[in-house]
Amino acid sequence: VQLQASGGGLVQAGGSLRLSCAASISIFNINRVGWHRQAPGKQRELVATITNGGTINYADSKKDRFTISRDNDKNTVYLQINSLKPEDTGVYYCNAEIMGSKLSRTYYWGQGTLVTVSS
């Protein structure tokens, strides 16, 4: 499974970005796709996830400005970020959780896309 994250860039505070995570397989075969953020000097943190059944979860601090969605036809999961703040700066990664036999889980990661928010 390959994941291609894109859509990052340099944006001014208050702006918006839509990040894309394109999967090499049908997202119906992916149990869960997640977006994660790694700010400079910090650990990677979960932003949001979406399951193949459409269940969405956000980290508590990410519910107001972040929206995760998917396009089944394009095998792509999106992360819309509004009202960007400098503290949103970081590398955004997507990952895919694949269920195997006996409920085993395998995780695949994309390469990340850099978001830089200027004040």
PDB file of N, CA and C in Angstrom:
ATOM      1  N   VAL A   1       0.860  -1.183   0.000  1.00  0.00           N
ATOM      2  CA  VAL A   1       0.000   0.000   0.000  1.00  0.00           C
ATOM      3  C   VAL A   1       0.898   1.235   0.000  1.00  0.00           C
ATOM      4  N   GLN A   2       0.638   2.119  -0.922  1.00  0.00           N
ATOM      5  CA  GLN A   2       1.385   3.380  -0.971  1.00  0.00           C
ATOM      6  C   GLN A   2       0.431   4.541  -0.755  1.00  0.00           C
ATOM      7  N   LEU A   3       0.901   5.501   0.003  1.00  0.00           N
ATOM      8  CA  LEU A   3       0.117   6.696   0.279  1.00  0.00           C
ATOM      9  C   LEU A   3       0.913   7.908  -0.182  1.00  0.00           C
ATOM     10  N   GLN A   4       0.258   8.782  -0.893  1.00  0.00           N
ATOM     11  CA  GLN A   4       0.904   9.990  -1.397  1.00  0.00           C
ATOM     12  C   GLN A   4       0.208  11.205  -0.789  1.00  0.00           C
ATOM     13  N   ALA A   5       0.895  11.873   0.117  1.00  0.00           N
ATOM     14  CA  ALA A   5       0.341  13.078   0.728  1.00  0.00           C
ATOM     15  C   ALA A   5       0.773  14.303  -0.062  1.00  0.00           C
ATOM     16  N   SER A   6      -0.126  15.248  -0.217  1.00  0.00           N
ATOM     17  CA  SER A   6       0.188  16.467  -0.957  1.00  0.00           C
ATOM     18  C   SER A   6      -0.714  17.591  -0.473  1.00  0.00           C
ATOM     19  N   GLY A   7      -0.421  18.786  -0.957  1.00  0.00           N
ATOM     20  CA  GLY A   7      -1.272  19.921  -0.646  1.00  0.00           C
ATOM     21  C   GLY A   7      -0.693  20.901   0.348  1.00  0.00           C
ATOM     22  N   GLY A   8       0.445  20.571   0.930  1.00  0.00           N
ATOM     23  CA  GLY A   8       1.055  21.484   1.874  1.00  0.00           C
ATOM     24  C   GLY A   8       1.666  22.680   1.174  1.00  0.00           C
ATOM     25  N   GLY A   9       2.121  23.619   1.963  1.00  0.00           N
ATOM     26  CA  GLY A   9       2.744  24.809   1.402  1.00  0.00           C
ATOM     27  C   GLY A   9       2.877  25.892   2.442  1.00  0.00           C
ATOM     28  N   LEU A  10       3.256  27.054   1.963  1.00  0.00           N
ATOM     29  CA  LEU A  10       3.394  28.227   2.823  1.00  0.00           C
ATOM     30  C   LEU A  10       2.116  29.049   2.721  1.00  0.00           C
ATOM     31  N   VAL A  11       1.523  29.337   3.857  1.00  0.00           N
ATOM     32  CA  VAL A  11       0.266  30.077   3.869  1.00  0.00           C
ATOM     33  C   VAL A  11       0.282  31.059   5.030  1.00  0.00           C
ATOM     34  N   GLN A  12      -0.405  32.163   4.866  1.00  0.00           N
ATOM     35  CA  GLN A  12      -0.485  33.141   5.936  1.00  0.00           C
ATOM     36  C   GLN A  12      -1.511  32.707   6.986  1.00  0.00           C
ATOM     37  N   ALA A  13      -1.290  33.149   8.184  1.00  0.00           N
ATOM     38  CA  ALA A  13      -2.251  32.863   9.245  1.00  0.00           C
ATOM     39  C   ALA A  13      -3.634  33.348   8.834  1.00  0.00           C
ATOM     40  N   GLY A  14      -4.619  32.527   9.141  1.00  0.00           N
ATOM     41  CA  GLY A  14      -5.995  32.832   8.751  1.00  0.00           C
ATOM     42  C   GLY A  14      -6.420  32.176   7.456  1.00  0.00           C
ATOM     43  N   GLY A  15      -5.457  31.684   6.710  1.00  0.00           N
ATOM     44  CA  GLY A  15      -5.777  31.040   5.452  1.00  0.00           C
ATOM     45  C   GLY A  15      -6.229  29.608   5.633  1.00  0.00           C
ATOM     46  N   SER A  16      -6.417  28.932   4.503  1.00  0.00           N
ATOM     47  CA  SER A  16      -6.896  27.549   4.515  1.00  0.00           C
ATOM     48  C   SER A  16      -6.041  26.692   3.585  1.00  0.00           C
ATOM     49  N   LEU A  17      -6.036  25.425   3.863  1.00  0.00           N
ATOM     50  CA  LEU A  17      -5.375  24.451   3.005  1.00  0.00           C
ATOM     51  C   LEU A  17      -6.206  23.191   2.984  1.00  0.00           C
ATOM     52  N   ARG A  18      -6.123  22.488   1.863  1.00  0.00           N
ATOM     53  CA  ARG A  18      -6.707  21.156   1.810  1.00  0.00           C
ATOM     54  C   ARG A  18      -5.603  20.173   1.453  1.00  0.00           C
ATOM     55  N   LEU A  19      -5.323  19.284   2.358  1.00  0.00           N
ATOM     56  CA  LEU A  19      -4.313  18.266   2.138  1.00  0.00           C
ATOM     57  C   LEU A  19      -4.985  17.023   1.557  1.00  0.00           C
ATOM     58  N   SER A  20      -4.232  16.334   0.722  1.00  0.00           N
ATOM     59  CA  SER A  20      -4.754  15.123   0.086  1.00  0.00           C
ATOM     60  C   SER A  20      -3.865  13.940   0.419  1.00  0.00           C
ATOM     61  N   CYS A  21      -4.486  12.796   0.567  1.00  0.00           N
ATOM     62  CA  CYS A  21      -3.774  11.543   0.789  1.00  0.00           C
ATOM     63  C   CYS A  21      -4.335  10.532  -0.203  1.00  0.00           C
ATOM     64  N   ALA A  22      -3.571  10.268  -1.237  1.00  0.00           N
ATOM     65  CA  ALA A  22      -4.017   9.359  -2.285  1.00  0.00           C
ATOM     66  C   ALA A  22      -3.465   7.966  -2.026  1.00  0.00           C
ATOM     67  N   ALA A  23      -4.338   6.985  -2.005  1.00  0.00           N
ATOM     68  CA  ALA A  23      -3.940   5.611  -1.739  1.00  0.00           C
ATOM     69  C   ALA A  23      -3.805   4.826  -3.036  1.00  0.00           C
ATOM     70  N   SER A  24      -2.910   3.855  -3.009  1.00  0.00           N
ATOM     71  CA  SER A  24      -2.663   3.045  -4.206  1.00  0.00           C
ATOM     72  C   SER A  24      -3.667   1.903  -4.342  1.00  0.00           C
ATOM     73  N   ILE A  25      -4.516   1.748  -3.324  1.00  0.00           N
ATOM     74  CA  ILE A  25      -5.549   0.717  -3.366  1.00  0.00           C
ATOM     75  C   ILE A  25      -6.892   1.364  -3.047  1.00  0.00           C
ATOM     76  N   SER A  26      -7.940   0.630  -3.247  1.00  0.00           N
ATOM     77  CA  SER A  26      -9.255   1.154  -2.906  1.00  0.00           C
ATOM     78  C   SER A  26      -9.336   1.455  -1.411  1.00  0.00           C
ATOM     79  N   ILE A  27      -9.844   2.639  -1.087  1.00  0.00           N
ATOM     80  CA  ILE A  27      -9.923   2.971   0.337  1.00  0.00           C
ATOM     81  C   ILE A  27     -10.973   2.133   1.050  1.00  0.00           C
ATOM     82  N   PHE A  28     -11.797   1.420   0.310  1.00  0.00           N
ATOM     83  CA  PHE A  28     -12.728   0.492   0.959  1.00  0.00           C
ATOM     84  C   PHE A  28     -11.973  -0.690   1.577  1.00  0.00           C
ATOM     85  N   ASN A  29     -10.755  -0.910   1.087  1.00  0.00           N
ATOM     86  CA  ASN A  29      -9.925  -1.989   1.634  1.00  0.00           C
ATOM     87  C   ASN A  29      -9.038  -1.514   2.774  1.00  0.00           C
ATOM     88  N   ILE A  30      -9.191  -0.254   3.127  1.00  0.00           N
ATOM     89  CA  ILE A  30      -8.428   0.324   4.228  1.00  0.00           C
ATOM     90  C   ILE A  30      -9.377   0.522   5.398  1.00  0.00           C
ATOM     91  N   ASN A  31      -9.079  -0.075   6.526  1.00  0.00           N
ATOM     92  CA  ASN A  31      -9.982   0.019   7.669  1.00  0.00           C
ATOM     93  C   ASN A  31     -10.108   1.458   8.165  1.00  0.00           C
ATOM     94  N   ARG A  32      -8.981   2.134   8.217  1.00  0.00           N
ATOM     95  CA  ARG A  32      -8.980   3.493   8.757  1.00  0.00           C
ATOM     96  C   ARG A  32      -7.839   4.288   8.148  1.00  0.00           C
ATOM     97  N   VAL A  33      -8.098   5.507   7.763  1.00  0.00           N
ATOM     98  CA  VAL A  33      -7.061   6.437   7.313  1.00  0.00           C
ATOM     99  C   VAL A  33      -6.978   7.566   8.332  1.00  0.00           C
ATOM    100  N   GLY A  34      -5.766   7.879   8.707  1.00  0.00           N
ATOM    101  CA  GLY A  34      -5.580   8.942   9.679  1.00  0.00           C
ATOM    102  C   GLY A  34      -4.641  10.015   9.172  1.00  0.00           C
ATOM    103  N   TRP A  35      -4.864  11.219   9.666  1.00  0.00           N
ATOM    104  CA  TRP A  35      -3.934  12.331   9.453  1.00  0.00           C
ATOM    105  C   TRP A  35      -3.252  12.631  10.791  1.00  0.00           C
ATOM    106  N   HIS A  36      -1.953  12.834  10.700  1.00  0.00           N
ATOM    107  CA  HIS A  36      -1.143  13.113  11.870  1.00  0.00           C
ATOM    108  C   HIS A  36      -0.284  14.332  11.578  1.00  0.00           C
ATOM    109  N   ARG A  37       0.102  15.022  12.621  1.00  0.00           N
ATOM    110  CA  ARG A  37       0.936  16.203  12.459  1.00  0.00           C
ATOM    111  C   ARG A  37       2.164  16.088  13.352  1.00  0.00           C
ATOM    112  N   GLN A  38       3.293  16.478  12.785  1.00  0.00           N
ATOM    113  CA  GLN A  38       4.509  16.569  13.584  1.00  0.00           C
ATOM    114  C   GLN A  38       5.055  17.975  13.480  1.00  0.00           C
ATOM    115  N   ALA A  39       4.886  18.714  14.557  1.00  0.00           N
ATOM    116  CA  ALA A  39       5.409  20.072  14.611  1.00  0.00           C
ATOM    117  C   ALA A  39       6.905  20.018  14.876  1.00  0.00           C
ATOM    118  N   PRO A  40       7.623  21.059  14.508  1.00  0.00           N
ATOM    119  CA  PRO A  40       9.077  21.080  14.736  1.00  0.00           C
ATOM    120  C   PRO A  40       9.426  20.824  16.193  1.00  0.00           C
ATOM    121  N   GLY A  41      10.281  19.853  16.416  1.00  0.00           N
ATOM    122  CA  GLY A  41      10.735  19.556  17.762  1.00  0.00           C
ATOM    123  C   GLY A  41       9.739  18.829  18.638  1.00  0.00           C
ATOM    124  N   LYS A  42       8.624  18.414  18.060  1.00  0.00           N
ATOM    125  CA  LYS A  42       7.591  17.743  18.849  1.00  0.00           C
ATOM    126  C   LYS A  42       7.296  16.354  18.298  1.00  0.00           C
ATOM    127  N   GLN A  43       6.607  15.581  19.103  1.00  0.00           N
ATOM    128  CA  GLN A  43       6.213  14.260  18.661  1.00  0.00           C
ATOM    129  C   GLN A  43       5.040  14.334  17.700  1.00  0.00           C
ATOM    130  N   ARG A  44       4.933  13.322  16.900  1.00  0.00           N
ATOM    131  CA  ARG A  44       3.807  13.231  15.978  1.00  0.00           C
ATOM    132  C   ARG A  44       2.522  13.054  16.769  1.00  0.00           C
ATOM    133  N   GLU A  45       1.484  13.753  16.367  1.00  0.00           N
ATOM    134  CA  GLU A  45       0.204  13.666  17.060  1.00  0.00           C
ATOM    135  C   GLU A  45      -0.918  13.401  16.070  1.00  0.00           C
ATOM    136  N   LEU A  46      -1.919  12.734  16.558  1.00  0.00           N
ATOM    137  CA  LEU A  46      -3.076  12.428  15.737  1.00  0.00           C
ATOM    138  C   LEU A  46      -3.927  13.674  15.538  1.00  0.00           C
ATOM    139  N   VAL A  47      -4.403  13.849  14.307  1.00  0.00           N
ATOM    140  CA  VAL A  47      -5.306  14.958  14.017  1.00  0.00           C
ATOM    141  C   VAL A  47      -6.730  14.434  13.838  1.00  0.00           C
ATOM    142  N   ALA A  48      -6.895  13.466  12.944  1.00  0.00           N
ATOM    143  CA  ALA A  48      -8.236  12.948  12.651  1.00  0.00           C
ATOM    144  C   ALA A  48      -8.123  11.606  11.942  1.00  0.00           C
ATOM    145  N   THR A  49      -9.181  10.821  12.052  1.00  0.00           N
ATOM    146  CA  THR A  49      -9.257   9.548  11.342  1.00  0.00           C
ATOM    147  C   THR A  49     -10.631   9.382  10.710  1.00  0.00           C
ATOM    148  N   ILE A  50     -10.670   8.567   9.671  1.00  0.00           N
ATOM    149  CA  ILE A  50     -11.932   8.214   9.033  1.00  0.00           C
ATOM    150  C   ILE A  50     -11.872   6.745   8.664  1.00  0.00           C
ATOM    151  N   THR A  51     -12.932   6.022   8.983  1.00  0.00           N
ATOM    152  CA  THR A  51     -12.955   4.596   8.686  1.00  0.00           C
ATOM    153  C   THR A  51     -13.594   4.336   7.331  1.00  0.00           C
ATOM    154  N   ASN A  52     -13.476   3.102   6.867  1.00  0.00           N
ATOM    155  CA  ASN A  52     -14.089   2.771   5.582  1.00  0.00           C
ATOM    156  C   ASN A  52     -15.613   2.751   5.695  1.00  0.00           C
ATOM    157  N   GLY A  53     -16.098   2.749   6.922  1.00  0.00           N
ATOM    158  CA  GLY A  53     -17.533   2.866   7.122  1.00  0.00           C
ATOM    159  C   GLY A  53     -18.003   4.298   7.264  1.00  0.00           C
ATOM    160  N   GLY A  54     -17.043   5.215   7.261  1.00  0.00           N
ATOM    161  CA  GLY A  54     -17.392   6.632   7.317  1.00  0.00           C
ATOM    162  C   GLY A  54     -17.365   7.250   8.705  1.00  0.00           C
ATOM    163  N   THR A  55     -16.964   6.479   9.702  1.00  0.00           N
ATOM    164  CA  THR A  55     -16.883   7.030  11.056  1.00  0.00           C
ATOM    165  C   THR A  55     -15.679   7.955  11.162  1.00  0.00           C
ATOM    166  N   ILE A  56     -15.919   9.140  11.702  1.00  0.00           N
ATOM    167  CA  ILE A  56     -14.885  10.167  11.799  1.00  0.00           C
ATOM    168  C   ILE A  56     -14.599  10.471  13.262  1.00  0.00           C
ATOM    169  N   ASN A  57     -13.324  10.619  13.551  1.00  0.00           N
ATOM    170  CA  ASN A  57     -12.917  11.038  14.885  1.00  0.00           C
ATOM    171  C   ASN A  57     -11.833  12.100  14.773  1.00  0.00           C
ATOM    172  N   TYR A  58     -11.899  13.054  15.656  1.00  0.00           N
ATOM    173  CA  TYR A  58     -10.899  14.120  15.717  1.00  0.00           C
ATOM    174  C   TYR A  58     -10.245  14.109  17.091  1.00  0.00           C
ATOM    175  N   ALA A  59      -8.980  14.515  17.111  1.00  0.00           N
ATOM    176  CA  ALA A  59      -8.360  14.803  18.391  1.00  0.00           C
ATOM    177  C   ALA A  59      -9.137  15.962  19.021  1.00  0.00           C
ATOM    178  N   ASP A  60      -9.209  15.961  20.339  1.00  0.00           N
ATOM    179  CA  ASP A  60     -10.054  16.936  21.023  1.00  0.00           C
ATOM    180  C   ASP A  60      -9.772  18.376  20.607  1.00  0.00           C
ATOM    181  N   SER A  61      -8.514  18.674  20.387  1.00  0.00           N
ATOM    182  CA  SER A  61      -8.140  20.059  20.073  1.00  0.00           C
ATOM    183  C   SER A  61      -8.280  20.388  18.601  1.00  0.00           C
ATOM    184  N   LYS A  62      -8.747  19.440  17.806  1.00  0.00           N
ATOM    185  CA  LYS A  62      -8.752  19.623  16.355  1.00  0.00           C
ATOM    186  C   LYS A  62     -10.168  19.652  15.782  1.00  0.00           C
ATOM    187  N   LYS A  63     -11.163  19.704  16.602  1.00  0.00           N
ATOM    188  CA  LYS A  63     -12.524  19.551  16.102  1.00  0.00           C
ATOM    189  C   LYS A  63     -13.038  20.787  15.395  1.00  0.00           C
ATOM    190  N   ASP A  64     -12.509  21.960  15.747  1.00  0.00           N
ATOM    191  CA  ASP A  64     -13.155  23.158  15.250  1.00  0.00           C
ATOM    192  C   ASP A  64     -12.661  23.603  13.881  1.00  0.00           C
ATOM    193  N   ARG A  65     -11.399  23.412  13.580  1.00  0.00           N
ATOM    194  CA  ARG A  65     -10.852  23.954  12.330  1.00  0.00           C
ATOM    195  C   ARG A  65     -10.443  22.889  11.330  1.00  0.00           C
ATOM    196  N   PHE A  66     -10.540  21.640  11.695  1.00  0.00           N
ATOM    197  CA  PHE A  66     -10.085  20.554  10.826  1.00  0.00           C
ATOM    198  C   PHE A  66     -11.278  19.710  10.369  1.00  0.00           C
ATOM    199  N   THR A  67     -11.274  19.345   9.096  1.00  0.00           N
ATOM    200  CA  THR A  67     -12.328  18.486   8.562  1.00  0.00           C
ATOM    201  C   THR A  67     -11.700  17.400   7.709  1.00  0.00           C
ATOM    202  N   ILE A  68     -11.966  16.161   8.077  1.00  0.00           N
ATOM    203  CA  ILE A  68     -11.482  15.036   7.286  1.00  0.00           C
ATOM    204  C   ILE A  68     -12.622  14.529   6.423  1.00  0.00           C
ATOM    205  N   SER A  69     -12.295  14.160   5.208  1.00  0.00           N
ATOM    206  CA  SER A  69     -13.311  13.647   4.291  1.00  0.00           C
ATOM    207  C   SER A  69     -12.640  12.715   3.302  1.00  0.00           C
ATOM    208  N   ARG A  70     -13.435  12.089   2.451  1.00  0.00           N
ATOM    209  CA  ARG A  70     -12.842  11.163   1.495  1.00  0.00           C
ATOM    210  C   ARG A  70     -13.612  11.191   0.183  1.00  0.00           C
ATOM    211  N   ASP A  71     -12.905  10.828  -0.872  1.00  0.00           N
ATOM    212  CA  ASP A  71     -13.505  10.652  -2.194  1.00  0.00           C
ATOM    213  C   ASP A  71     -13.241   9.214  -2.586  1.00  0.00           C
ATOM    214  N   ASN A  72     -14.269   8.407  -2.529  1.00  0.00           N
ATOM    215  CA  ASN A  72     -14.097   6.974  -2.792  1.00  0.00           C
ATOM    216  C   ASN A  72     -13.633   6.712  -4.223  1.00  0.00           C
ATOM    217  N   ASP A  73     -14.140   7.492  -5.142  1.00  0.00           N
ATOM    218  CA  ASP A  73     -13.782   7.275  -6.550  1.00  0.00           C
ATOM    219  C   ASP A  73     -12.314   7.543  -6.816  1.00  0.00           C
ATOM    220  N   LYS A  74     -11.738   8.465  -6.048  1.00  0.00           N
ATOM    221  CA  LYS A  74     -10.333   8.835  -6.243  1.00  0.00           C
ATOM    222  C   LYS A  74      -9.417   8.147  -5.238  1.00  0.00           C
ATOM    223  N   ASN A  75      -9.991   7.324  -4.370  1.00  0.00           N
ATOM    224  CA  ASN A  75      -9.193   6.655  -3.328  1.00  0.00           C
ATOM    225  C   ASN A  75      -8.345   7.669  -2.559  1.00  0.00           C
ATOM    226  N   THR A  76      -8.963   8.758  -2.225  1.00  0.00           N
ATOM    227  CA  THR A  76      -8.248   9.871  -1.601  1.00  0.00           C
ATOM    228  C   THR A  76      -8.984  10.332  -0.353  1.00  0.00           C
ATOM    229  N   VAL A  77      -8.209  10.614   0.665  1.00  0.00           N
ATOM    230  CA  VAL A  77      -8.736  11.198   1.906  1.00  0.00           C
ATOM    231  C   VAL A  77      -8.160  12.595   2.035  1.00  0.00           C
ATOM    232  N   TYR A  78      -9.001  13.527   2.419  1.00  0.00           N
ATOM    233  CA  TYR A  78      -8.612  14.929   2.508  1.00  0.00           C
ATOM    234  C   TYR A  78      -8.613  15.408   3.959  1.00  0.00           C
ATOM    235  N   LEU A  79      -7.813  16.431   4.189  1.00  0.00           N
ATOM    236  CA  LEU A  79      -7.856  17.145   5.465  1.00  0.00           C
ATOM    237  C   LEU A  79      -7.934  18.631   5.149  1.00  0.00           C
ATOM    238  N   GLN A  80      -9.071  19.202   5.436  1.00  0.00           N
ATOM    239  CA  GLN A  80      -9.262  20.637   5.264  1.00  0.00           C
ATOM    240  C   GLN A  80      -8.899  21.331   6.570  1.00  0.00           C
ATOM    241  N   ILE A  81      -8.049  22.333   6.465  1.00  0.00           N
ATOM    242  CA  ILE A  81      -7.653  23.087   7.645  1.00  0.00           C
ATOM    243  C   ILE A  81      -8.005  24.549   7.395  1.00  0.00           C
ATOM    244  N   ASN A  82      -8.839  25.097   8.243  1.00  0.00           N
ATOM    245  CA  ASN A  82      -9.261  26.491   8.119  1.00  0.00           C
ATOM    246  C   ASN A  82      -8.657  27.339   9.229  1.00  0.00           C
ATOM    247  N   SER A  83      -8.679  28.626   9.011  1.00  0.00           N
ATOM    248  CA  SER A  83      -8.175  29.581  10.019  1.00  0.00           C
ATOM    249  C   SER A  83      -6.814  29.134  10.543  1.00  0.00           C
ATOM    250  N   LEU A  84      -5.922  28.902   9.626  1.00  0.00           N
ATOM    251  CA  LEU A  84      -4.605  28.382   9.997  1.00  0.00           C
ATOM    252  C   LEU A  84      -3.885  29.309  10.960  1.00  0.00           C
ATOM    253  N   LYS A  85      -3.164  28.689  11.870  1.00  0.00           N
ATOM    254  CA  LYS A  85      -2.388  29.411  12.877  1.00  0.00           C
ATOM    255  C   LYS A  85      -0.923  28.995  12.755  1.00  0.00           C
ATOM    256  N   PRO A  86      -0.013  29.851  13.188  1.00  0.00           N
ATOM    257  CA  PRO A  86       1.405  29.460  13.131  1.00  0.00           C
ATOM    258  C   PRO A  86       1.687  28.127  13.824  1.00  0.00           C
ATOM    259  N   GLU A  87       0.937  27.822  14.863  1.00  0.00           N
ATOM    260  CA  GLU A  87       1.175  26.558  15.573  1.00  0.00           C
ATOM    261  C   GLU A  87       0.692  25.338  14.794  1.00  0.00           C
ATOM    262  N   ASP A  88       0.046  25.550  13.662  1.00  0.00           N
ATOM    263  CA  ASP A  88      -0.321  24.447  12.781  1.00  0.00           C
ATOM    264  C   ASP A  88       0.848  24.017  11.899  1.00  0.00           C
ATOM    265  N   THR A  89       1.922  24.773  11.958  1.00  0.00           N
ATOM    266  CA  THR A  89       3.101  24.446  11.162  1.00  0.00           C
ATOM    267  C   THR A  89       3.631  23.068  11.522  1.00  0.00           C
ATOM    268  N   GLY A  90       3.964  22.314  10.496  1.00  0.00           N
ATOM    269  CA  GLY A  90       4.514  20.990  10.724  1.00  0.00           C
ATOM    270  C   GLY A  90       4.387  20.123   9.488  1.00  0.00           C
ATOM    271  N   VAL A  91       4.864  18.921   9.621  1.00  0.00           N
ATOM    272  CA  VAL A  91       4.706  17.951   8.540  1.00  0.00           C
ATOM    273  C   VAL A  91       3.467  17.117   8.842  1.00  0.00           C
ATOM    274  N   TYR A  92       2.599  17.045   7.857  1.00  0.00           N
ATOM    275  CA  TYR A  92       1.359  16.300   8.001  1.00  0.00           C
ATOM    276  C   TYR A  92       1.504  14.967   7.273  1.00  0.00           C
ATOM    277  N   TYR A  93       1.258  13.918   8.012  1.00  0.00           N
ATOM    278  CA  TYR A  93       1.365  12.570   7.471  1.00  0.00           C
ATOM    279  C   TYR A  93      -0.010  11.910   7.448  1.00  0.00           C
ATOM    280  N   CYS A  94      -0.216  11.079   6.442  1.00  0.00           N
ATOM    281  CA  CYS A  94      -1.396  10.228   6.482  1.00  0.00           C
ATOM    282  C   CYS A  94      -0.937   8.780   6.663  1.00  0.00           C
ATOM    283  N   ASN A  95      -1.780   8.003   7.278  1.00  0.00           N
ATOM    284  CA  ASN A  95      -1.472   6.587   7.408  1.00  0.00           C
ATOM    285  C   ASN A  95      -2.723   5.760   7.178  1.00  0.00           C
ATOM    286  N   ALA A  96      -2.487   4.514   6.861  1.00  0.00           N
ATOM    287  CA  ALA A  96      -3.577   3.597   6.569  1.00  0.00           C
ATOM    288  C   ALA A  96      -3.455   2.373   7.458  1.00  0.00           C
ATOM    289  N   GLU A  97      -4.583   1.993   8.020  1.00  0.00           N
ATOM    290  CA  GLU A  97      -4.649   0.791   8.847  1.00  0.00           C
ATOM    291  C   GLU A  97      -5.344  -0.294   8.042  1.00  0.00           C
ATOM    292  N   ILE A  98      -4.618  -1.406   7.820  1.00  0.00           N
ATOM    293  CA  ILE A  98      -5.164  -2.525   7.055  1.00  0.00           C
ATOM    294  C   ILE A  98      -5.404  -3.690   8.001  1.00  0.00           C
ATOM    295  N   MET A  99      -6.605  -4.198   7.990  1.00  0.00           N
ATOM    296  CA  MET A  99      -6.922  -5.350   8.836  1.00  0.00           C
ATOM    297  C   MET A  99      -6.527  -6.630   8.115  1.00  0.00           C
ATOM    298  N   GLY A 100      -5.874  -7.518   8.859  1.00  0.00           N
ATOM    299  CA  GLY A 100      -5.488  -8.804   8.301  1.00  0.00           C
ATOM    300  C   GLY A 100      -6.220  -9.936   8.981  1.00  0.00           C
ATOM    301  N   SER A 101      -5.681 -11.107   8.830  1.00  0.00           N
ATOM    302  CA  SER A 101      -6.304 -12.275   9.450  1.00  0.00           C
ATOM    303  C   SER A 101      -6.177 -12.187  10.964  1.00  0.00           C
ATOM    304  N   LYS A 102      -7.136 -12.772  11.631  1.00  0.00           N
ATOM    305  CA  LYS A 102      -7.152 -12.815  13.100  1.00  0.00           C
ATOM    306  C   LYS A 102      -7.038 -11.411  13.683  1.00  0.00           C
ATOM    307  N   LEU A 103      -7.670 -10.465  13.022  1.00  0.00           N
ATOM    308  CA  LEU A 103      -7.727  -9.073  13.486  1.00  0.00           C
ATOM    309  C   LEU A 103      -6.358  -8.414  13.589  1.00  0.00           C
ATOM    310  N   SER A 104      -5.375  -8.949  12.880  1.00  0.00           N
ATOM    311  CA  SER A 104      -4.073  -8.278  12.856  1.00  0.00           C
ATOM    312  C   SER A 104      -4.205  -6.951  12.112  1.00  0.00           C
ATOM    313  N   ARG A 105      -3.340  -6.030  12.439  1.00  0.00           N
ATOM    314  CA  ARG A 105      -3.377  -4.701  11.811  1.00  0.00           C
ATOM    315  C   ARG A 105      -1.985  -4.329  11.307  1.00  0.00           C
ATOM    316  N   THR A 106      -1.939  -3.814  10.120  1.00  0.00           N
ATOM    317  CA  THR A 106      -0.702  -3.318   9.535  1.00  0.00           C
ATOM    318  C   THR A 106      -0.903  -1.858   9.179  1.00  0.00           C
ATOM    319  N   TYR A 107       0.107  -1.055   9.480  1.00  0.00           N
ATOM    320  CA  TYR A 107       0.019   0.379   9.230  1.00  0.00           C
ATOM    321  C   TYR A 107       1.013   0.796   8.155  1.00  0.00           C
ATOM    322  N   TYR A 108       0.533   1.626   7.272  1.00  0.00           N
ATOM    323  CA  TYR A 108       1.367   2.182   6.207  1.00  0.00           C
ATOM    324  C   TYR A 108       1.340   3.707   6.327  1.00  0.00           C
ATOM    325  N   TRP A 109       2.492   4.313   6.033  1.00  0.00           N
ATOM    326  CA  TRP A 109       2.599   5.765   6.163  1.00  0.00           C
ATOM    327  C   TRP A 109       2.981   6.391   4.837  1.00  0.00           C
ATOM    328  N   GLY A 110       2.431   7.551   4.596  1.00  0.00           N
ATOM    329  CA  GLY A 110       2.858   8.355   3.465  1.00  0.00           C
ATOM    330  C   GLY A 110       4.097   9.147   3.842  1.00  0.00           C
ATOM    331  N   GLN A 111       4.609   9.902   2.896  1.00  0.00           N
ATOM    332  CA  GLN A 111       5.882  10.588   3.093  1.00  0.00           C
ATOM    333  C   GLN A 111       5.723  11.918   3.816  1.00  0.00           C
ATOM    334  N   GLY A 112       4.530  12.416   3.952  1.00  0.00           N
ATOM    335  CA  GLY A 112       4.316  13.683   4.641  1.00  0.00           C
ATOM    336  C   GLY A 112       4.311  14.866   3.700  1.00  0.00           C
ATOM    337  N   THR A 113       3.572  15.878   4.088  1.00  0.00           N
ATOM    338  CA  THR A 113       3.547  17.135   3.334  1.00  0.00           C
ATOM    339  C   THR A 113       3.710  18.278   4.323  1.00  0.00           C
ATOM    340  N   LEU A 114       4.581  19.211   3.999  1.00  0.00           N
ATOM    341  CA  LEU A 114       4.947  20.285   4.921  1.00  0.00           C
ATOM    342  C   LEU A 114       3.971  21.451   4.819  1.00  0.00           C
ATOM    343  N   VAL A 115       3.473  21.848   5.968  1.00  0.00           N
ATOM    344  CA  VAL A 115       2.632  23.035   6.076  1.00  0.00           C
ATOM    345  C   VAL A 115       3.377  24.070   6.913  1.00  0.00           C
ATOM    346  N   THR A 116       3.527  25.246   6.357  1.00  0.00           N
ATOM    347  CA  THR A 116       4.185  26.331   7.077  1.00  0.00           C
ATOM    348  C   THR A 116       3.227  27.519   7.118  1.00  0.00           C
ATOM    349  N   VAL A 117       2.911  27.958   8.313  1.00  0.00           N
ATOM    350  CA  VAL A 117       1.980  29.071   8.487  1.00  0.00           C
ATOM    351  C   VAL A 117       2.750  30.270   9.014  1.00  0.00           C
ATOM    352  N   SER A 118       2.720  31.336   8.263  1.00  0.00           N
ATOM    353  CA  SER A 118       3.419  32.553   8.671  1.00  0.00           C
ATOM    354  C   SER A 118       2.460  33.480   9.408  1.00  0.00           C
ATOM    355  N   SER A 119       3.010  34.200  10.365  1.00  0.00           N
ATOM    356  CA  SER A 119       2.170  35.131  11.158  1.00  0.00           C
ATOM    357  C   SER A 119       2.069  36.490  10.504  1.00  0.00           C
TER     358      SER A 119
END
